[in-house]
N, C-alpha and C. Protein backbone atom coordinates (compact mmCIF):
# COMPACT_ATOMS: atom_id res chain seq x y z
N MET A 1 -7.83 29.80 -16.29
CA MET A 1 -8.14 28.56 -15.59
C MET A 1 -7.93 27.35 -16.49
N LEU A 2 -8.00 27.56 -17.79
CA LEU A 2 -7.84 26.46 -18.72
C LEU A 2 -6.52 25.73 -18.49
N THR A 3 -5.45 26.49 -18.31
CA THR A 3 -4.13 25.88 -18.07
C THR A 3 -4.11 25.10 -16.76
N ILE A 4 -4.75 25.62 -15.75
CA ILE A 4 -4.79 24.94 -14.45
C ILE A 4 -5.49 23.59 -14.57
N TRP A 5 -6.63 23.57 -15.28
CA TRP A 5 -7.37 22.30 -15.42
C TRP A 5 -6.57 21.29 -16.23
N ILE A 6 -5.88 21.76 -17.26
CA ILE A 6 -5.04 20.85 -18.05
C ILE A 6 -3.93 20.27 -17.19
N ILE A 7 -3.30 21.12 -16.36
CA ILE A 7 -2.23 20.65 -15.47
C ILE A 7 -2.78 19.62 -14.49
N ILE A 8 -3.95 19.89 -13.91
CA ILE A 8 -4.55 18.95 -12.95
C ILE A 8 -4.84 17.62 -13.63
N ILE A 9 -5.37 17.66 -14.83
CA ILE A 9 -5.67 16.42 -15.56
C ILE A 9 -4.40 15.64 -15.86
N VAL A 10 -3.37 16.33 -16.34
CA VAL A 10 -2.11 15.67 -16.68
C VAL A 10 -1.46 15.08 -15.43
N VAL A 11 -1.42 15.85 -14.35
CA VAL A 11 -0.80 15.36 -13.11
C VAL A 11 -1.58 14.17 -12.56
N ALA A 12 -2.90 14.27 -12.53
CA ALA A 12 -3.72 13.17 -12.00
C ALA A 12 -3.53 11.90 -12.84
N CYS A 13 -3.51 12.05 -14.15
CA CYS A 13 -3.30 10.89 -15.01
C CYS A 13 -1.89 10.32 -14.85
N SER A 14 -0.90 11.19 -14.71
CA SER A 14 0.48 10.74 -14.51
C SER A 14 0.62 9.97 -13.20
N VAL A 15 0.01 10.48 -12.14
CA VAL A 15 0.05 9.78 -10.85
C VAL A 15 -0.63 8.42 -10.98
N GLU A 16 -1.75 8.38 -11.68
CA GLU A 16 -2.48 7.13 -11.86
C GLU A 16 -1.62 6.12 -12.61
N ILE A 17 -0.95 6.56 -13.65
CA ILE A 17 -0.08 5.67 -14.42
C ILE A 17 1.12 5.25 -13.58
N ALA A 18 1.70 6.18 -12.83
CA ALA A 18 2.87 5.87 -12.00
C ALA A 18 2.55 4.86 -10.89
N THR A 19 1.32 4.85 -10.44
CA THR A 19 0.92 3.91 -9.39
C THR A 19 0.31 2.64 -9.98
N GLN A 20 0.53 2.45 -11.27
CA GLN A 20 0.06 1.25 -11.98
C GLN A 20 -1.44 1.06 -11.85
N LEU A 21 -2.16 2.13 -12.08
CA LEU A 21 -3.63 2.12 -12.09
C LEU A 21 -4.21 1.57 -10.80
N GLN A 22 -3.71 2.07 -9.66
CA GLN A 22 -4.21 1.67 -8.35
C GLN A 22 -5.39 2.52 -7.90
N LEU A 23 -5.90 3.34 -8.78
CA LEU A 23 -7.07 4.18 -8.53
C LEU A 23 -6.86 5.15 -7.37
N VAL A 24 -5.80 5.95 -7.50
CA VAL A 24 -5.53 6.95 -6.47
C VAL A 24 -5.86 8.37 -6.91
N SER A 25 -5.91 8.62 -8.21
CA SER A 25 -6.15 9.99 -8.66
C SER A 25 -7.06 10.09 -9.88
N VAL A 26 -7.62 9.00 -10.31
CA VAL A 26 -8.47 9.03 -11.50
C VAL A 26 -9.67 9.95 -11.30
N TRP A 27 -10.15 10.04 -10.07
CA TRP A 27 -11.31 10.88 -9.77
C TRP A 27 -11.00 12.36 -10.00
N ALA A 28 -9.80 12.77 -9.63
CA ALA A 28 -9.40 14.16 -9.86
C ALA A 28 -9.27 14.45 -11.35
N ALA A 29 -8.85 13.47 -12.13
CA ALA A 29 -8.76 13.66 -13.57
C ALA A 29 -10.15 13.89 -14.17
N VAL A 30 -11.12 13.11 -13.72
CA VAL A 30 -12.50 13.27 -14.21
C VAL A 30 -13.05 14.64 -13.78
N GLY A 31 -12.80 15.03 -12.54
CA GLY A 31 -13.23 16.35 -12.07
C GLY A 31 -12.56 17.45 -12.87
N GLY A 32 -11.29 17.25 -13.21
CA GLY A 32 -10.57 18.24 -14.02
C GLY A 32 -11.16 18.38 -15.41
N VAL A 33 -11.57 17.26 -15.99
CA VAL A 33 -12.20 17.30 -17.31
C VAL A 33 -13.53 18.07 -17.25
N ALA A 34 -14.30 17.80 -16.20
CA ALA A 34 -15.58 18.52 -16.05
C ALA A 34 -15.35 20.02 -15.90
N ALA A 35 -14.36 20.39 -15.10
CA ALA A 35 -14.06 21.81 -14.91
C ALA A 35 -13.52 22.43 -16.20
N LEU A 36 -12.74 21.67 -16.95
CA LEU A 36 -12.21 22.14 -18.22
C LEU A 36 -13.35 22.41 -19.20
N VAL A 37 -14.30 21.52 -19.27
CA VAL A 37 -15.47 21.71 -20.13
C VAL A 37 -16.24 22.95 -19.69
N ALA A 38 -16.40 23.11 -18.38
CA ALA A 38 -17.10 24.30 -17.87
C ALA A 38 -16.36 25.57 -18.27
N ASP A 39 -15.03 25.54 -18.24
CA ASP A 39 -14.23 26.71 -18.63
C ASP A 39 -14.42 27.02 -20.11
N VAL A 40 -14.43 25.98 -20.93
CA VAL A 40 -14.61 26.18 -22.37
C VAL A 40 -15.95 26.85 -22.67
N PHE A 41 -16.98 26.52 -21.86
CA PHE A 41 -18.29 27.12 -22.05
C PHE A 41 -18.45 28.46 -21.32
N GLY A 42 -17.35 28.99 -20.76
CA GLY A 42 -17.36 30.32 -20.17
C GLY A 42 -17.95 30.41 -18.78
N VAL A 43 -17.99 29.32 -18.05
CA VAL A 43 -18.51 29.33 -16.68
C VAL A 43 -17.53 30.10 -15.78
N ASP A 44 -18.07 30.81 -14.80
CA ASP A 44 -17.28 31.59 -13.85
C ASP A 44 -16.22 30.73 -13.16
N ASP A 45 -15.04 31.30 -12.87
CA ASP A 45 -13.92 30.57 -12.27
C ASP A 45 -14.30 29.90 -10.94
N ASN A 46 -15.02 30.63 -10.09
CA ASN A 46 -15.42 30.06 -8.80
C ASN A 46 -16.33 28.85 -8.98
N LEU A 47 -17.23 28.94 -9.94
CA LEU A 47 -18.14 27.82 -10.21
C LEU A 47 -17.37 26.63 -10.81
N GLN A 48 -16.33 26.92 -11.57
CA GLN A 48 -15.49 25.84 -12.11
C GLN A 48 -14.85 25.04 -10.98
N ILE A 49 -14.39 25.75 -9.96
CA ILE A 49 -13.78 25.08 -8.81
C ILE A 49 -14.81 24.22 -8.09
N VAL A 50 -16.01 24.75 -7.93
CA VAL A 50 -17.09 23.98 -7.31
C VAL A 50 -17.40 22.75 -8.15
N ILE A 51 -17.47 22.92 -9.46
CA ILE A 51 -17.73 21.78 -10.36
C ILE A 51 -16.63 20.74 -10.23
N PHE A 52 -15.38 21.20 -10.20
CA PHE A 52 -14.25 20.26 -10.05
C PHE A 52 -14.43 19.39 -8.82
N PHE A 53 -14.64 20.02 -7.66
CA PHE A 53 -14.76 19.26 -6.42
C PHE A 53 -16.03 18.41 -6.39
N ALA A 54 -17.13 18.95 -6.89
CA ALA A 54 -18.39 18.21 -6.88
C ALA A 54 -18.29 16.96 -7.75
N VAL A 55 -17.75 17.09 -8.94
CA VAL A 55 -17.63 15.94 -9.84
C VAL A 55 -16.61 14.94 -9.30
N THR A 56 -15.49 15.44 -8.78
CA THR A 56 -14.48 14.54 -8.22
C THR A 56 -15.05 13.70 -7.10
N PHE A 57 -15.71 14.34 -6.14
CA PHE A 57 -16.25 13.60 -5.00
C PHE A 57 -17.45 12.74 -5.37
N ALA A 58 -18.27 13.21 -6.30
CA ALA A 58 -19.41 12.39 -6.75
C ALA A 58 -18.92 11.15 -7.48
N PHE A 59 -17.93 11.31 -8.35
CA PHE A 59 -17.37 10.17 -9.07
C PHE A 59 -16.72 9.19 -8.10
N LEU A 60 -16.02 9.72 -7.10
CA LEU A 60 -15.42 8.88 -6.07
C LEU A 60 -16.49 8.11 -5.30
N ALA A 61 -17.52 8.82 -4.87
CA ALA A 61 -18.59 8.19 -4.08
C ALA A 61 -19.33 7.12 -4.86
N ILE A 62 -19.50 7.33 -6.14
CA ILE A 62 -20.25 6.37 -6.97
C ILE A 62 -19.40 5.16 -7.35
N THR A 63 -18.16 5.40 -7.74
CA THR A 63 -17.35 4.30 -8.29
C THR A 63 -16.57 3.51 -7.26
N ARG A 64 -16.18 4.12 -6.17
CA ARG A 64 -15.34 3.43 -5.19
C ARG A 64 -16.01 2.17 -4.63
N PRO A 65 -17.27 2.22 -4.21
CA PRO A 65 -17.90 0.99 -3.71
C PRO A 65 -17.99 -0.11 -4.78
N ILE A 66 -18.23 0.29 -6.02
CA ILE A 66 -18.31 -0.68 -7.10
C ILE A 66 -16.95 -1.33 -7.33
N ILE A 67 -15.92 -0.53 -7.35
CA ILE A 67 -14.56 -1.05 -7.55
C ILE A 67 -14.16 -1.93 -6.39
N HIS A 68 -14.50 -1.51 -5.18
CA HIS A 68 -14.17 -2.30 -3.99
C HIS A 68 -14.83 -3.67 -4.06
N ARG A 69 -16.06 -3.73 -4.54
CA ARG A 69 -16.79 -5.00 -4.65
C ARG A 69 -16.06 -5.96 -5.58
N PHE A 70 -15.46 -5.44 -6.65
CA PHE A 70 -14.77 -6.30 -7.61
C PHE A 70 -13.36 -6.67 -7.15
N THR A 71 -12.74 -5.85 -6.33
CA THR A 71 -11.35 -6.11 -5.94
C THR A 71 -11.19 -6.77 -4.58
N LYS A 72 -12.22 -6.79 -3.74
CA LYS A 72 -12.05 -7.35 -2.40
C LYS A 72 -11.90 -8.86 -2.39
N ASN A 73 -12.36 -9.53 -3.43
CA ASN A 73 -12.28 -10.98 -3.47
C ASN A 73 -11.09 -11.48 -4.28
N VAL A 74 -10.14 -10.58 -4.56
CA VAL A 74 -8.97 -10.97 -5.31
C VAL A 74 -8.11 -11.88 -4.43
N GLU A 75 -7.78 -13.04 -4.96
CA GLU A 75 -7.01 -14.02 -4.20
C GLU A 75 -5.56 -13.57 -4.10
N GLN A 76 -5.00 -13.65 -2.89
CA GLN A 76 -3.60 -13.30 -2.71
C GLN A 76 -2.75 -14.46 -3.17
N VAL A 77 -1.72 -14.14 -3.93
CA VAL A 77 -0.82 -15.16 -4.43
C VAL A 77 0.27 -15.38 -3.39
N PRO A 78 0.43 -16.63 -2.93
CA PRO A 78 1.47 -16.87 -1.93
C PRO A 78 2.86 -16.66 -2.52
N MET A 79 3.76 -16.15 -1.68
CA MET A 79 5.13 -15.93 -2.10
C MET A 79 5.96 -17.17 -1.77
N ASN A 80 7.12 -17.26 -2.36
CA ASN A 80 8.01 -18.38 -2.05
C ASN A 80 8.37 -18.38 -0.57
N ALA A 81 8.48 -17.20 0.02
CA ALA A 81 8.85 -17.11 1.43
C ALA A 81 7.78 -17.71 2.34
N ASP A 82 6.53 -17.77 1.87
CA ASP A 82 5.45 -18.32 2.69
C ASP A 82 5.68 -19.79 3.03
N LYS A 83 6.51 -20.47 2.27
CA LYS A 83 6.80 -21.88 2.57
C LYS A 83 7.54 -22.01 3.91
N ASN A 84 8.06 -20.91 4.42
CA ASN A 84 8.79 -20.94 5.68
C ASN A 84 7.89 -20.86 6.91
N ILE A 85 6.63 -20.52 6.74
CA ILE A 85 5.72 -20.42 7.87
C ILE A 85 5.56 -21.79 8.51
N GLY A 86 5.77 -21.85 9.82
CA GLY A 86 5.71 -23.10 10.56
C GLY A 86 7.06 -23.78 10.73
N LYS A 87 8.06 -23.34 9.99
CA LYS A 87 9.40 -23.94 10.11
C LYS A 87 10.11 -23.42 11.36
N THR A 88 11.13 -24.16 11.75
CA THR A 88 11.92 -23.82 12.92
C THR A 88 13.29 -23.30 12.49
N GLY A 89 13.73 -22.24 13.15
CA GLY A 89 15.05 -21.68 12.90
C GLY A 89 15.77 -21.44 14.22
N HIS A 90 16.99 -20.92 14.12
CA HIS A 90 17.80 -20.68 15.32
C HIS A 90 18.32 -19.24 15.32
N VAL A 91 18.26 -18.61 16.47
CA VAL A 91 18.73 -17.24 16.63
C VAL A 91 20.25 -17.23 16.48
N THR A 92 20.75 -16.35 15.60
CA THR A 92 22.19 -16.30 15.35
C THR A 92 22.84 -15.01 15.85
N LYS A 93 22.06 -13.94 15.97
CA LYS A 93 22.66 -12.65 16.35
C LYS A 93 21.57 -11.74 16.91
N ILE A 94 21.92 -10.97 17.94
CA ILE A 94 21.04 -9.94 18.48
C ILE A 94 21.41 -8.64 17.77
N VAL A 95 20.44 -8.02 17.10
CA VAL A 95 20.71 -6.80 16.35
C VAL A 95 20.43 -5.57 17.22
N ASP A 96 19.24 -5.53 17.83
CA ASP A 96 18.86 -4.37 18.62
C ASP A 96 17.87 -4.81 19.70
N LYS A 97 18.35 -4.85 20.94
CA LYS A 97 17.48 -5.30 22.04
C LYS A 97 16.31 -4.35 22.26
N ALA A 98 16.53 -3.06 22.07
CA ALA A 98 15.48 -2.07 22.33
C ALA A 98 14.28 -2.28 21.40
N SER A 99 14.54 -2.60 20.14
CA SER A 99 13.44 -2.80 19.19
C SER A 99 13.05 -4.28 19.08
N GLY A 100 13.83 -5.15 19.72
CA GLY A 100 13.52 -6.58 19.70
C GLY A 100 13.95 -7.28 18.43
N LEU A 101 14.85 -6.68 17.68
CA LEU A 101 15.28 -7.23 16.39
C LEU A 101 16.47 -8.17 16.56
N PHE A 102 16.37 -9.33 15.91
CA PHE A 102 17.47 -10.29 15.92
C PHE A 102 17.51 -11.01 14.59
N ARG A 103 18.57 -11.83 14.38
CA ARG A 103 18.74 -12.57 13.13
C ARG A 103 18.49 -14.05 13.40
N VAL A 104 17.92 -14.70 12.39
CA VAL A 104 17.58 -16.12 12.50
C VAL A 104 18.11 -16.85 11.27
N ASN A 105 18.69 -18.03 11.50
CA ASN A 105 19.07 -18.91 10.40
C ASN A 105 17.92 -19.87 10.19
N LEU A 106 17.36 -19.85 9.01
CA LEU A 106 16.20 -20.67 8.69
C LEU A 106 16.48 -21.38 7.38
N SER A 107 16.68 -22.68 7.45
CA SER A 107 16.97 -23.49 6.25
C SER A 107 18.17 -22.95 5.48
N GLY A 108 19.19 -22.51 6.21
CA GLY A 108 20.40 -22.00 5.59
C GLY A 108 20.32 -20.56 5.14
N GLU A 109 19.20 -19.90 5.35
CA GLU A 109 19.04 -18.50 4.96
C GLU A 109 19.02 -17.62 6.20
N ASP A 110 19.58 -16.42 6.09
CA ASP A 110 19.63 -15.47 7.19
C ASP A 110 18.46 -14.50 7.07
N TRP A 111 17.66 -14.36 8.16
CA TRP A 111 16.49 -13.50 8.16
C TRP A 111 16.51 -12.55 9.35
N SER A 112 15.91 -11.38 9.19
CA SER A 112 15.61 -10.51 10.33
C SER A 112 14.36 -11.07 10.97
N ALA A 113 14.28 -10.97 12.29
CA ALA A 113 13.12 -11.51 12.98
C ALA A 113 12.79 -10.71 14.23
N VAL A 114 11.53 -10.79 14.62
CA VAL A 114 11.05 -10.22 15.88
C VAL A 114 9.98 -11.16 16.42
N THR A 115 9.74 -11.04 17.72
CA THR A 115 8.59 -11.72 18.30
C THR A 115 7.48 -10.68 18.42
N PRO A 116 6.23 -11.10 18.47
CA PRO A 116 5.15 -10.11 18.60
C PRO A 116 5.30 -9.24 19.85
N GLU A 117 5.90 -9.81 20.91
CA GLU A 117 6.08 -9.07 22.16
C GLU A 117 7.37 -8.28 22.19
N ARG A 118 8.16 -8.37 21.12
CA ARG A 118 9.48 -7.72 21.02
C ARG A 118 10.46 -8.25 22.07
N ILE A 119 10.32 -9.52 22.44
CA ILE A 119 11.24 -10.18 23.35
C ILE A 119 12.39 -10.72 22.53
N VAL A 120 13.62 -10.52 23.00
CA VAL A 120 14.79 -11.00 22.29
C VAL A 120 15.26 -12.31 22.94
N PRO A 121 15.17 -13.42 22.21
CA PRO A 121 15.64 -14.69 22.76
C PRO A 121 17.17 -14.76 22.76
N GLU A 122 17.72 -15.69 23.48
CA GLU A 122 19.17 -15.85 23.52
C GLU A 122 19.67 -16.45 22.21
N ILE A 123 20.94 -16.17 21.90
CA ILE A 123 21.56 -16.74 20.71
C ILE A 123 21.53 -18.26 20.84
N GLY A 124 21.15 -18.94 19.77
CA GLY A 124 21.04 -20.38 19.75
C GLY A 124 19.65 -20.89 20.06
N SER A 125 18.76 -20.02 20.52
CA SER A 125 17.39 -20.42 20.83
C SER A 125 16.66 -20.83 19.56
N SER A 126 15.74 -21.77 19.70
CA SER A 126 14.91 -22.20 18.57
C SER A 126 13.66 -21.32 18.52
N VAL A 127 13.28 -20.96 17.30
CA VAL A 127 12.08 -20.15 17.09
C VAL A 127 11.26 -20.76 15.94
N ARG A 128 9.95 -20.55 16.00
CA ARG A 128 9.05 -21.04 14.95
C ARG A 128 8.47 -19.83 14.22
N VAL A 129 8.47 -19.89 12.89
CA VAL A 129 7.95 -18.80 12.08
C VAL A 129 6.42 -18.82 12.13
N GLU A 130 5.83 -17.72 12.58
CA GLU A 130 4.37 -17.59 12.66
C GLU A 130 3.82 -16.90 11.40
N LYS A 131 4.52 -15.86 10.94
CA LYS A 131 4.12 -15.17 9.72
C LYS A 131 5.30 -14.35 9.21
N ILE A 132 5.13 -13.79 8.04
CA ILE A 132 6.17 -12.98 7.42
C ILE A 132 5.57 -11.63 7.06
N GLU A 133 6.22 -10.56 7.50
CA GLU A 133 5.80 -9.20 7.17
C GLU A 133 6.94 -8.53 6.43
N GLY A 134 6.77 -8.35 5.14
CA GLY A 134 7.83 -7.78 4.32
C GLY A 134 8.99 -8.75 4.25
N VAL A 135 10.15 -8.33 4.76
CA VAL A 135 11.33 -9.20 4.76
C VAL A 135 11.68 -9.63 6.18
N LYS A 136 10.74 -9.52 7.08
CA LYS A 136 10.97 -9.82 8.49
C LYS A 136 10.08 -10.98 8.93
N LEU A 137 10.70 -11.93 9.64
CA LEU A 137 9.94 -13.04 10.21
C LEU A 137 9.32 -12.60 11.52
N ILE A 138 8.10 -13.01 11.75
CA ILE A 138 7.45 -12.85 13.05
C ILE A 138 7.47 -14.25 13.64
N VAL A 139 8.17 -14.43 14.75
CA VAL A 139 8.42 -15.77 15.29
C VAL A 139 7.96 -15.89 16.74
N SER A 140 7.83 -17.14 17.16
CA SER A 140 7.58 -17.42 18.57
C SER A 140 8.74 -18.28 19.06
N VAL A 141 9.13 -18.07 20.30
CA VAL A 141 10.23 -18.84 20.88
C VAL A 141 9.70 -20.21 21.29
N ILE A 142 10.44 -21.24 20.94
CA ILE A 142 10.03 -22.61 21.27
C ILE A 142 10.62 -23.00 22.62
């Protein structure tokens, strides 16, 4: 079991590092360390598994609310694209009527756009940017 706990710890830490410390697997690493210690002291394999899960979930239950309290008030940094919210653009191309996707020229830039209702306006129609989701404008027809 020693090898299994080492693998779990290494994988959990690697995932945590790969996700830039977004706290997705640190709890499993702590549970793995507890189970590893139990193995070193000769605890039965089945009990090691119980210890792993108990420590993992206990650590998660204790630390997650504390971490959430510190991270929920983090201010979102506006992107350069946010300056386009409220601006007016013109529909230049219909991409897919079924999904409601079309292209909009906004301040000389070409954007993918949809309306919340997935209605496709006619080419040349004016639209106002309501919000931006990823690289897609959410617009309303003027």
